[in-house]
C-alpha atoms as a PDB file:
ATOM      1  CA  MET A   1      24.814  32.984   1.086  1.00  0.00           C
ATOM      2  CA  SER A   2      24.019  31.037   4.244  1.00  0.00           C
ATOM      3  CA  ARG A   3      21.016  29.457   2.497  1.00  0.00           C
ATOM      4  CA  ILE A   4      23.115  28.362  -0.465  1.00  0.00           C
ATOM      5  CA  ARG A   5      25.829  27.084   1.865  1.00  0.00           C
ATOM      6  CA  SER A   6      23.262  25.056   3.791  1.00  0.00           C
ATOM      7  CA  LEU A   7      21.893  23.521   0.572  1.00  0.00           C
ATOM      8  CA  LEU A   8      25.356  22.622  -0.697  1.00  0.00           C
ATOM      9  CA  GLN A   9      26.360  21.167   2.650  1.00  0.00           C
ATOM     10  CA  SER A  10      23.199  19.051   2.820  1.00  0.00           C
ATOM     11  CA  ALA A  11      23.790  17.813  -0.741  1.00  0.00           C
ATOM     12  CA  ALA A  12      27.388  16.896   0.085  1.00  0.00           C
ATOM     13  CA  ASP A  13      26.345  15.110   3.272  1.00  0.00           C
ATOM     14  CA  LEU A  14      23.621  13.265   1.363  1.00  0.00           C
ATOM     15  CA  VAL A  15      26.155  11.926  -1.135  1.00  0.00           C
ATOM     16  CA  LEU A  16      28.582  11.074   1.671  1.00  0.00           C
ATOM     17  CA  GLY A  17      25.974   9.258   3.753  1.00  0.00           C
ATOM     18  CA  LEU A  18      24.648   7.215   0.846  1.00  0.00           C
ATOM     19  CA  GLY A  19      28.179   6.467  -0.307  1.00  0.00           C
ATOM     20  CA  LEU A  20      29.228   5.161   3.094  1.00  0.00           C
ATOM     21  CA  ILE A  21      26.183   2.897   3.291  1.00  0.00           C
ATOM     22  CA  ALA A  22      26.792   1.520  -0.208  1.00  0.00           C
ATOM     23  CA  LEU A  23      30.490   1.012   0.528  1.00  0.00           C
ATOM     24  CA  ALA A  24      29.843  -0.795   3.821  1.00  0.00           C
ATOM     25  CA  PHE A  25      27.112  -2.962   2.324  1.00  0.00           C
ATOM     26  CA  GLY A  26      29.270  -3.938  -0.634  1.00  0.00           C
ATOM     27  CA  ALA A  27      32.408  -4.543   1.413  1.00  0.00           C
ATOM     28  CA  ILE A  28      30.671  -6.876   3.846  1.00  0.00           C
ATOM     29  CA  ARG A  29      28.590  -8.672   1.212  1.00  0.00           C
ATOM     30  CA  PHE A  30      31.339  -9.197  -1.365  1.00  0.00           C
ATOM     31  CA  ALA A  31      34.556  -9.170   0.676  1.00  0.00           C
ATOM     32  CA  VAL A  32      34.067  -9.848   4.383  1.00  0.00           C
ATOM     33  CA  VAL A  33      31.440 -12.591   4.108  1.00  0.00           C
ATOM     34  CA  PRO A  34      33.315 -14.567   1.387  1.00  0.00           C
ATOM     35  CA  ALA A  35      36.490 -14.246   3.458  1.00  0.00           C
ATOM     36  CA  LEU A  36      34.699 -15.723   6.484  1.00  0.00           C
ATOM     37  CA  THR A  37      32.819 -18.493   4.677  1.00  0.00           C
ATOM     38  CA  GLY A  38      35.702 -19.658   2.484  1.00  0.00           C
ATOM     39  CA  PRO A  39      38.148 -20.863   5.194  1.00  0.00           C
ATOM     40  CA  PHE A  40      35.382 -22.846   6.916  1.00  0.00           C
ATOM     41  CA  GLY A  41      34.203 -24.523   3.732  1.00  0.00           C
ATOM     42  CA  LEU A  42      30.633 -23.227   4.049  1.00  0.00           C
ATOM     43  CA  ALA A  43      28.502 -23.843   0.994  1.00  0.00           C
ATOM     44  CA  ALA A  44      27.088 -20.689  -0.565  1.00  0.00           C
ATOM     45  CA  ASP A  45      23.532 -21.963  -0.082  1.00  0.00           C
ATOM     46  CA  SER A  46      24.034 -23.186   3.489  1.00  0.00           C
ATOM     47  CA  LEU A  47      22.113 -21.765   6.442  1.00  0.00           C
ATOM     48  CA  ALA A  48      25.319 -20.520   8.081  1.00  0.00           C
ATOM     49  CA  ALA A  49      26.410 -18.685   4.924  1.00  0.00           C
ATOM     50  CA  ALA A  50      22.965 -17.125   4.588  1.00  0.00           C
ATOM     51  CA  PHE A  51      23.117 -16.001   8.221  1.00  0.00           C
ATOM     52  CA  LEU A  52      26.497 -14.365   7.630  1.00  0.00           C
ATOM     53  CA  ARG A  53      25.315 -12.630   4.453  1.00  0.00           C
ATOM     54  CA  ARG A  54      22.134 -11.271   5.952  1.00  0.00           C
ATOM     55  CA  GLY A  55      23.535 -10.483   9.363  1.00  0.00           C
ATOM     56  CA  GLY A  56      26.568  -8.879   7.759  1.00  0.00           C
ATOM     57  CA  ALA A  57      24.401  -6.744   5.502  1.00  0.00           C
ATOM     58  CA  ALA A  58      22.364  -5.510   8.467  1.00  0.00           C
ATOM     59  CA  PHE A  59      25.508  -4.752  10.457  1.00  0.00           C
ATOM     60  CA  GLY A  60      27.084  -2.913   7.532  1.00  0.00           C
ATOM     61  CA  ILE A  61      24.019  -0.718   6.980  1.00  0.00           C
ATOM     62  CA  LEU A  62      23.677   0.237  10.637  1.00  0.00           C
ATOM     63  CA  PHE A  63      27.401   0.704  11.233  1.00  0.00           C
ATOM     64  CA  ALA A  64      27.793   2.981   8.208  1.00  0.00           C
ATOM     65  CA  TYR A  65      24.845   5.113   9.283  1.00  0.00           C
ATOM     66  CA  TRP A  66      26.099   5.275  12.869  1.00  0.00           C
ATOM     67  CA  ALA A  67      29.579   6.266  11.658  1.00  0.00           C
ATOM     68  CA  PHE A  68      28.126   8.972   9.409  1.00  0.00           C
ATOM     69  CA  VAL A  69      26.034  10.462  12.205  1.00  0.00           C
ATOM     70  CA  THR A  70      28.785  10.205  14.818  1.00  0.00           C
ATOM     71  CA  LEU A  71      31.766  11.372  12.780  1.00  0.00           C
ATOM     72  CA  ARG A  72      30.195  13.729  10.255  1.00  0.00           C
ATOM     73  CA  GLU A  73      27.220  15.157  12.127  1.00  0.00           C
ATOM     74  CA  ARG A  74      28.986  14.922  15.494  1.00  0.00           C
ATOM     75  CA  ARG A  75      25.970  13.850  17.478  1.00  0.00           C
ATOM     76  CA  VAL A  76      24.590  10.770  19.180  1.00  0.00           C
ATOM     77  CA  ALA A  77      22.491   8.633  16.833  1.00  0.00           C
ATOM     78  CA  THR A  78      19.474   8.590  19.123  1.00  0.00           C
ATOM     79  CA  GLU A  79      17.280   7.271  16.293  1.00  0.00           C
ATOM     80  CA  LEU A  80      19.231   3.999  16.567  1.00  0.00           C
ATOM     81  CA  SER A  81      18.870   3.662  20.345  1.00  0.00           C
ATOM     82  CA  PRO A  82      17.492   0.246  21.428  1.00  0.00           C
ATOM     83  CA  ALA A  83      13.736   0.630  21.746  1.00  0.00           C
ATOM     84  CA  PRO A  84      11.725  -2.572  22.356  1.00  0.00           C
ATOM     85  CA  ARG A  85       8.507  -0.572  22.648  1.00  0.00           C
ATOM     86  CA  ALA A  86       9.179   1.093  19.301  1.00  0.00           C
ATOM     87  CA  ILE A  87       9.782  -2.293  17.679  1.00  0.00           C
ATOM     88  CA  GLY A  88       6.580  -3.688  19.168  1.00  0.00           C
ATOM     89  CA  GLY A  89       4.656  -0.582  18.140  1.00  0.00           C
ATOM     90  CA  GLY A  90       5.961  -0.838  14.597  1.00  0.00           C
ATOM     91  CA  ILE A  91       4.946  -4.487  14.329  1.00  0.00           C
ATOM     92  CA  VAL A  92       1.435  -3.923  15.686  1.00  0.00           C
ATOM     93  CA  THR A  93       0.686  -0.814  13.632  1.00  0.00           C
ATOM     94  CA  GLY A  94       2.201  -2.313  10.480  1.00  0.00           C
ATOM     95  CA  VAL A  95      -0.215  -5.245  10.633  1.00  0.00           C
ATOM     96  CA  ALA A  96      -3.106  -3.025  11.744  1.00  0.00           C
ATOM     97  CA  MET A  97      -2.814  -0.826   8.649  1.00  0.00           C
ATOM     98  CA  ILE A  98      -2.293  -3.347   5.844  1.00  0.00           C
ATOM     99  CA  ALA A  99      -4.451  -6.205   7.164  1.00  0.00           C
ATOM    100  CA  PRO A 100      -7.869  -4.474   6.804  1.00  0.00           C
ATOM    101  CA  PRO A 101      -7.693  -3.848   3.035  1.00  0.00           C
ATOM    102  CA  ILE A 102      -6.341  -7.361   2.417  1.00  0.00           C
ATOM    103  CA  LEU A 103      -9.119  -8.910   4.540  1.00  0.00           C
ATOM    104  CA  VAL A 104     -11.741  -6.873   2.712  1.00  0.00           C
ATOM    105  CA  LEU A 105     -10.354  -8.087  -0.622  1.00  0.00           C
ATOM    106  CA  PHE A 106     -10.627 -11.692   0.559  1.00  0.00           C
ATOM    107  CA  ALA A 107     -14.075 -11.154   2.091  1.00  0.00           C
ATOM    108  CA  THR A 108     -15.488  -9.653  -1.104  1.00  0.00           C
ATOM    109  CA  GLY A 109     -13.996 -12.345  -3.332  1.00  0.00           C
ATOM    110  CA  ALA A 110     -11.669  -9.899  -5.072  1.00  0.00           C
ATOM    111  CA  TYR A 111      -8.878 -12.123  -3.756  1.00  0.00           C
ATOM    112  CA  GLN A 112      -9.376 -15.891  -3.833  1.00  0.00           C
ATOM    113  CA  ALA A 113      -6.809 -18.109  -2.154  1.00  0.00           C
ATOM    114  CA  THR A 114      -5.799 -21.741  -1.948  1.00  0.00           C
ATOM    115  CA  TRP A 115      -3.890 -23.001   1.067  1.00  0.00           C
ATOM    116  CA  ARG A 116      -0.420 -24.229   0.079  1.00  0.00           C
ATOM    117  CA  GLY A 117       0.892 -24.966   3.560  1.00  0.00           C
ATOM    118  CA  TRP A 118       4.052 -23.913   5.336  1.00  0.00           C
ATOM    119  CA  GLN A 119       6.923 -23.020   3.029  1.00  0.00           C
ATOM    120  CA  ASP A 120      10.499 -23.612   4.197  1.00  0.00           C
ATOM    121  CA  ALA A 121      11.701 -20.427   2.521  1.00  0.00           C
ATOM    122  CA  LEU A 122       9.400 -18.229   4.624  1.00  0.00           C
ATOM    123  CA  PRO A 123      11.693 -17.601   7.661  1.00  0.00           C
ATOM    124  CA  GLY A 124      14.656 -16.728   5.457  1.00  0.00           C
ATOM    125  CA  ASP A 125      12.543 -14.423   3.329  1.00  0.00           C
ATOM    126  CA  ALA A 126      11.263 -12.734   6.492  1.00  0.00           C
ATOM    127  CA  VAL A 127      14.838 -11.840   7.413  1.00  0.00           C
ATOM    128  CA  VAL A 128      15.533 -10.558   3.895  1.00  0.00           C
ATOM    129  CA  ILE A 129      12.374  -8.422   4.058  1.00  0.00           C
ATOM    130  CA  LEU A 130      13.466  -6.979   7.399  1.00  0.00           C
ATOM    131  CA  ILE A 131      16.949  -6.111   6.089  1.00  0.00           C
ATOM    132  CA  ALA A 132      15.480  -4.585   2.917  1.00  0.00           C
ATOM    133  CA  ALA A 133      13.122  -2.455   5.013  1.00  0.00           C
ATOM    134  CA  MET A 134      16.036  -1.437   7.233  1.00  0.00           C
ATOM    135  CA  LEU A 135      18.082  -0.378   4.208  1.00  0.00           C
ATOM    136  CA  GLU A 136      15.225   1.663   2.745  1.00  0.00           C
ATOM    137  CA  GLU A 137      14.461   3.374   6.042  1.00  0.00           C
ATOM    138  CA  VAL A 138      18.084   4.261   6.711  1.00  0.00           C
ATOM    139  CA  VAL A 139      18.516   5.595   3.161  1.00  0.00           C
ATOM    140  CA  PHE A 140      15.206   7.403   2.683  1.00  0.00           C
ATOM    141  CA  ARG A 141      14.343   8.495   6.197  1.00  0.00           C
ATOM    142  CA  GLY A 142      17.674   8.468   8.040  1.00  0.00           C
ATOM    143  CA  VAL A 143      19.788  10.095   5.323  1.00  0.00           C
ATOM    144  CA  LEU A 144      17.661  11.619   2.549  1.00  0.00           C
ATOM    145  CA  PHE A 145      14.847  13.040   4.677  1.00  0.00           C
ATOM    146  CA  ARG A 146      17.073  14.436   7.397  1.00  0.00           C
ATOM    147  CA  GLN A 147      19.390  16.190   4.940  1.00  0.00           C
ATOM    148  CA  LEU A 148      16.439  17.642   3.031  1.00  0.00           C
ATOM    149  CA  GLU A 149      14.842  18.662   6.308  1.00  0.00           C
ATOM    150  CA  ARG A 150      17.951  20.539   7.388  1.00  0.00           C
ATOM    151  CA  ALA A 151      18.034  22.456   4.114  1.00  0.00           C
ATOM    152  CA  LEU A 152      14.341  22.875   3.255  1.00  0.00           C
ATOM    153  CA  GLY A 153      12.309  22.326   6.412  1.00  0.00           C
ATOM    154  CA  THR A 154      10.260  19.381   7.642  1.00  0.00           C
ATOM    155  CA  ALA A 155       7.129  19.726   5.497  1.00  0.00           C
ATOM    156  CA  VAL A 156       8.968  20.171   2.188  1.00  0.00           C
ATOM    157  CA  ALA A 157      11.376  17.364   3.092  1.00  0.00           C
ATOM    158  CA  ILE A 158       8.499  14.949   3.766  1.00  0.00           C
ATOM    159  CA  VAL A 159       6.920  15.661   0.375  1.00  0.00           C
ATOM    160  CA  ALA A 160      10.251  15.524  -1.482  1.00  0.00           C
ATOM    161  CA  THR A 161      11.252  12.231   0.166  1.00  0.00           C
ATOM    162  CA  ALA A 162       7.872  10.719  -0.693  1.00  0.00           C
ATOM    163  CA  LEU A 163       8.247  11.740  -4.344  1.00  0.00           C
ATOM    164  CA  VAL A 164      11.745  10.236  -4.597  1.00  0.00           C
ATOM    165  CA  PHE A 165      10.512   7.070  -2.885  1.00  0.00           C
ATOM    166  CA  ALA A 166       7.682   6.785  -5.423  1.00  0.00           C
ATOM    167  CA  VAL A 167       9.911   7.355  -8.450  1.00  0.00           C
ATOM    168  CA  VAL A 168      12.414   4.723  -7.306  1.00  0.00           C
ATOM    169  CA  HIS A 169       9.683   2.095  -6.953  1.00  0.00           C
ATOM    170  CA  LEU A 170       8.212   2.665 -10.422  1.00  0.00           C
ATOM    171  CA  SER A 171      10.869   0.340 -11.798  1.00  0.00           C
ATOM    172  CA  ASN A 172       9.128  -2.552  -9.987  1.00  0.00           C
ATOM    173  CA  LEU A 173       6.406  -2.463 -12.624  1.00  0.00           C
ATOM    174  CA  GLY A 174       8.791  -3.538 -15.365  1.00  0.00           C
ATOM    175  CA  GLU A 175       8.662  -2.766 -19.063  1.00  0.00           C
ATOM    176  CA  GLY A 176       5.415  -2.418 -20.917  1.00  0.00           C
ATOM    177  CA  SER A 177       3.468  -0.955 -18.003  1.00  0.00           C
ATOM    178  CA  THR A 178       0.475   1.156 -18.910  1.00  0.00           C
ATOM    179  CA  MET A 179       0.204   4.825 -18.019  1.00  0.00           C
ATOM    180  CA  PRO A 180      -2.708   4.211 -15.586  1.00  0.00           C
ATOM    181  CA  ALA A 181      -0.585   1.617 -13.755  1.00  0.00           C
ATOM    182  CA  LEU A 182       2.349   4.024 -13.556  1.00  0.00           C
ATOM    183  CA  VAL A 183       0.173   6.848 -12.257  1.00  0.00           C
ATOM    184  CA  THR A 184      -1.580   4.646  -9.706  1.00  0.00           C
ATOM    185  CA  THR A 185       1.723   3.248  -8.477  1.00  0.00           C
ATOM    186  CA  PHE A 186       3.263   6.700  -8.231  1.00  0.00           C
ATOM    187  CA  VAL A 187       0.329   7.893  -6.140  1.00  0.00           C
ATOM    188  CA  SER A 188       0.109   4.835  -3.903  1.00  0.00           C
ATOM    189  CA  VAL A 189       3.843   4.515  -3.216  1.00  0.00           C
ATOM    190  CA  GLY A 190       4.106   8.267  -2.764  1.00  0.00           C
ATOM    191  CA  VAL A 191       1.354   8.202  -0.163  1.00  0.00           C
ATOM    192  CA  ILE A 192       2.888   5.206   1.620  1.00  0.00           C
ATOM    193  CA  GLY A 193       6.380   6.714   1.484  1.00  0.00           C
ATOM    194  CA  GLY A 194       5.007  10.007   2.747  1.00  0.00           C
ATOM    195  CA  PHE A 195       3.379   8.192   5.648  1.00  0.00           C
ATOM    196  CA  TRP A 196       6.612   6.424   6.652  1.00  0.00           C
ATOM    197  CA  THR A 197       8.508   9.709   6.408  1.00  0.00           C
ATOM    198  CA  LEU A 198       5.910  11.469   8.535  1.00  0.00           C
ATOM    199  CA  LEU A 199       6.047   8.592  11.007  1.00  0.00           C
ATOM    200  CA  PHE A 200       9.804   9.004  11.318  1.00  0.00           C
ATOM    201  CA  ALA A 201       9.462  12.782  11.611  1.00  0.00           C
ATOM    202  CA  ARG A 202       7.130  12.279  14.574  1.00  0.00           C
ATOM    203  CA  THR A 203       8.922   9.430  16.335  1.00  0.00           C
ATOM    204  CA  ARG A 204      12.546  10.130  15.340  1.00  0.00           C
ATOM    205  CA  ASN A 205      13.059   6.393  15.706  1.00  0.00           C
ATOM    206  CA  LEU A 206      14.287   4.225  12.846  1.00  0.00           C
ATOM    207  CA  TRP A 207      13.330   0.992  14.637  1.00  0.00           C
ATOM    208  CA  PHE A 208       9.658   1.955  14.763  1.00  0.00           C
ATOM    209  CA  VAL A 209       9.499   2.803  11.055  1.00  0.00           C
ATOM    210  CA  THR A 210      11.671  -0.149   9.991  1.00  0.00           C
ATOM    211  CA  PHE A 211       9.523  -2.738  11.758  1.00  0.00           C
ATOM    212  CA  HIS A 212       6.318  -1.060  10.581  1.00  0.00           C
ATOM    213  CA  HIS A 213       7.651  -1.242   7.008  1.00  0.00           C
ATOM    214  CA  ALA A 214       8.912  -4.836   7.357  1.00  0.00           C
ATOM    215  CA  THR A 215       5.718  -6.104   9.004  1.00  0.00           C
ATOM    216  CA  TRP A 216       3.619  -4.382   6.349  1.00  0.00           C
ATOM    217  CA  ASN A 217       5.620  -6.134   3.617  1.00  0.00           C
ATOM    218  CA  PHE A 218       5.625  -9.510   5.364  1.00  0.00           C
ATOM    219  CA  ALA A 219       1.849  -9.411   5.828  1.00  0.00           C
ATOM    220  CA  ILE A 220       1.476  -8.900   2.072  1.00  0.00           C
ATOM    221  CA  VAL A 221       3.770 -11.863   1.417  1.00  0.00           C
ATOM    222  CA  LEU A 222       1.703 -14.038   3.764  1.00  0.00           C
ATOM    223  CA  SER A 223      -1.437 -13.103   1.845  1.00  0.00           C
ATOM    224  CA  GLY A 224      -0.011 -14.579  -1.348  1.00  0.00           C
ATOM    225  CA  ALA A 225      -0.413 -11.299  -3.238  1.00  0.00           C
ATOM    226  CA  PRO A 226       2.436  -9.561  -5.105  1.00  0.00           C
ATOM    227  CA  LEU A 227       4.624  -7.320  -2.945  1.00  0.00           C
ATOM    228  CA  SER A 228       5.215  -3.926  -4.589  1.00  0.00           C
ATOM    229  CA  GLY A 229       4.988  -5.488  -8.036  1.00  0.00           C
ATOM    230  CA  LEU A 230       7.597  -8.164  -7.240  1.00  0.00           C
ATOM    231  CA  GLU A 231       6.643 -11.813  -7.632  1.00  0.00           C
ATOM    232  CA  GLU A 232       9.871 -13.268  -6.223  1.00  0.00           C
ATOM    233  CA  TRP A 233       8.252 -13.670  -2.802  1.00  0.00           C
ATOM    234  CA  LEU A 234       5.223 -15.629  -3.999  1.00  0.00           C
ATOM    235  CA  ASP A 235       6.941 -19.018  -3.707  1.00  0.00           C
ATOM    236  CA  ALA A 236       7.335 -18.498   0.048  1.00  0.00           C
ATOM    237  CA  ALA A 237       3.681 -17.599   0.631  1.00  0.00           C
ATOM    238  CA  PRO A 238       1.476 -20.149   2.414  1.00  0.00           C
ATOM    239  CA  LEU A 239      -1.410 -19.008   0.194  1.00  0.00           C
ATOM    240  CA  LEU A 240      -1.778 -19.143  -3.576  1.00  0.00           C
ATOM    241  CA  THR A 241      -3.835 -16.028  -4.251  1.00  0.00           C
ATOM    242  CA  VAL A 242      -5.492 -14.920  -7.477  1.00  0.00           C
ATOM    243  CA  ASP A 243      -7.296 -11.599  -7.934  1.00  0.00           C
ATOM    244  CA  HIS A 244     -10.701 -11.535  -9.617  1.00  0.00           C
ATOM    245  CA  GLY A 245     -11.692  -7.904  -9.232  1.00  0.00           C
ATOM    246  CA  PRO A 246     -11.004  -4.627 -11.001  1.00  0.00           C
ATOM    247  CA  THR A 247      -7.437  -3.361 -10.830  1.00  0.00           C
ATOM    248  CA  TRP A 248      -8.401  -0.222  -8.902  1.00  0.00           C
ATOM    249  CA  LEU A 249      -9.693  -2.483  -6.136  1.00  0.00           C
ATOM    250  CA  THR A 250      -7.199  -5.365  -6.116  1.00  0.00           C
ATOM    251  CA  GLY A 251      -4.081  -3.419  -7.033  1.00  0.00           C
ATOM    252  CA  GLY A 252      -3.422  -5.666 -10.014  1.00  0.00           C
ATOM    253  CA  ALA A 253       0.124  -6.830 -10.629  1.00  0.00           C
ATOM    254  CA  PHE A 254       1.542  -4.407  -8.050  1.00  0.00           C
ATOM    255  CA  GLY A 255      -0.469  -5.982  -5.228  1.00  0.00           C
ATOM    256  CA  PRO A 256      -2.699  -4.581  -2.485  1.00  0.00           C
ATOM    257  CA  GLU A 257      -0.549  -1.467  -2.043  1.00  0.00           C
ATOM    258  CA  ASN A 258      -2.090  -0.163  -5.281  1.00  0.00           C
ATOM    259  CA  SER A 259      -5.617  -0.862  -4.062  1.00  0.00           C
ATOM    260  CA  VAL A 260      -7.796   2.178  -3.500  1.00  0.00           C
ATOM    261  CA  LEU A 261      -8.595   0.690  -0.081  1.00  0.00           C
ATOM    262  CA  THR A 262      -4.954   0.868   0.996  1.00  0.00           C
ATOM    263  CA  ILE A 263      -4.480   4.351  -0.435  1.00  0.00           C
ATOM    264  CA  LEU A 264      -7.522   5.653   1.455  1.00  0.00           C
ATOM    265  CA  ILE A 265      -6.458   4.054   4.752  1.00  0.00           C
ATOM    266  CA  VAL A 266      -2.922   5.444   4.541  1.00  0.00           C
ATOM    267  CA  ALA A 267      -4.156   8.880   3.438  1.00  0.00           C
ATOM    268  CA  ALA A 268      -6.617   8.994   6.334  1.00  0.00           C
ATOM    269  CA  THR A 269      -3.875   8.020   8.779  1.00  0.00           C
ATOM    270  CA  ILE A 270      -1.660  10.788   7.394  1.00  0.00           C
ATOM    271  CA  GLY A 271      -4.507  13.239   7.956  1.00  0.00           C
ATOM    272  CA  VAL A 272      -4.814  12.175  11.594  1.00  0.00           C
ATOM    273  CA  LEU A 273      -1.050  12.443  12.188  1.00  0.00           C
ATOM    274  CA  VAL A 274      -0.861  15.874  10.519  1.00  0.00           C
ATOM    275  CA  ARG A 275      -3.765  17.143  12.573  1.00  0.00           C
ATOM    276  CA  ARG A 276      -2.152  15.929  15.774  1.00  0.00           C
ATOM    277  CA  SER A 277       1.137  17.502  14.751  1.00  0.00           C
ATOM    278  CA  ILE A 278      -0.590  20.847  14.195  1.00  0.00           C
ATOM    279  CA  THR A 279      -2.559  20.826  17.436  1.00  0.00           C
ATOM    280  CA  ARG A 280       0.135  19.557  19.823  1.00  0.00           C
ATOM    281  CA  PRO A 281       2.898  21.756  21.272  1.00  0.00           C
ATOM    282  CA  ARG A 282       6.165  21.346  19.414  1.00  0.00           C
ATOM    283  CA  SER A 283       9.112  20.081  21.449  1.00  0.00           C
ATOM    284  CA  ASN A 284      12.796  20.579  20.764  1.00  0.00           C
ATOM    285  CA  ASP A 285      13.061  16.944  19.620  1.00  0.00           C
ATOM    286  CA  ASP A 286      10.760  17.701  16.679  1.00  0.00           C
ATOM    287  CA  ARG A 287      12.925  20.474  15.272  1.00  0.00           C
ATOM    288  CA  PRO A 288      15.531  19.763  12.615  1.00  0.00           C
ATOM    289  CA  ALA A 289      19.126  20.227  13.613  1.00  0.00           C
ATOM    290  CA  PRO A 290      20.451  23.696  12.746  1.00  0.00           C
ATOM    291  CA  PRO A 291      22.955  24.020   9.889  1.00  0.00           C
ATOM    292  CA  ARG A 292      26.538  23.315  10.868  1.00  0.00           C
ATOM    293  CA  HIS A 293      29.297  25.667   9.887  1.00  0.00           C
ATOM    294  CA  HIS A 294      32.705  24.141   9.439  1.00  0.00           C
ATOM    295  CA  ALA A 295      35.862  26.136   9.466  1.00  0.00           C
END
């Protein structure tokens, strides 16, 4: 009975956590921000309005997660503690992992680029990418993974979170995608999502994983290649990039994340992290929180 109770409680908390985040995001984006911009006569496409929308979205996401952890889980949200070193580490490692396959693709001629120059939309898109990464990390790692971990254990939760992450991103391919493209994308995004989940499981720091994720995505945008199958970022890229190699190498319409080079690098990094996790002593910080029993 205790096992079933734990599963039901985790499922309920998962729905509650995701619901609070969605509610806060929607309330700030569609109610608070319009209420603030309207009285001051700010144009919808103005820099100030954009700052309020994006800053408000970030605040809403973080506040909802903090409220969920503080009021529902009754603990300090240590994963949100200010951590400049974690932010710096996320930025450095994010670039260090995605840059090599992209550089190899350029060096071999699989990617060929034309310099377009600085694009005014780039800074704004960088902020949007950061907020999107923050939202995904809070949802998938902060809420989904931790609730699954509490109910099923760390290893199963990592795999399950990676699978959900992969399924959600299949929609980026759009209609008419071939079965090989779907399979490749499922594998690549699953491996990448598994890596970010494992990274959070080891660091227990959302800032590290968020900035790793955001920097990874921004580096792809800078390369002029598609980001996770989305072409909306291409107009902000300083490079106009065209692929001339086989899809298994270039990633095709999904971008370098579907390249076998990226998959191998991420898989190898996962292997190193797993090996270190097995060989190092386990501290109390690594253990999932025990099930809570409410009266």
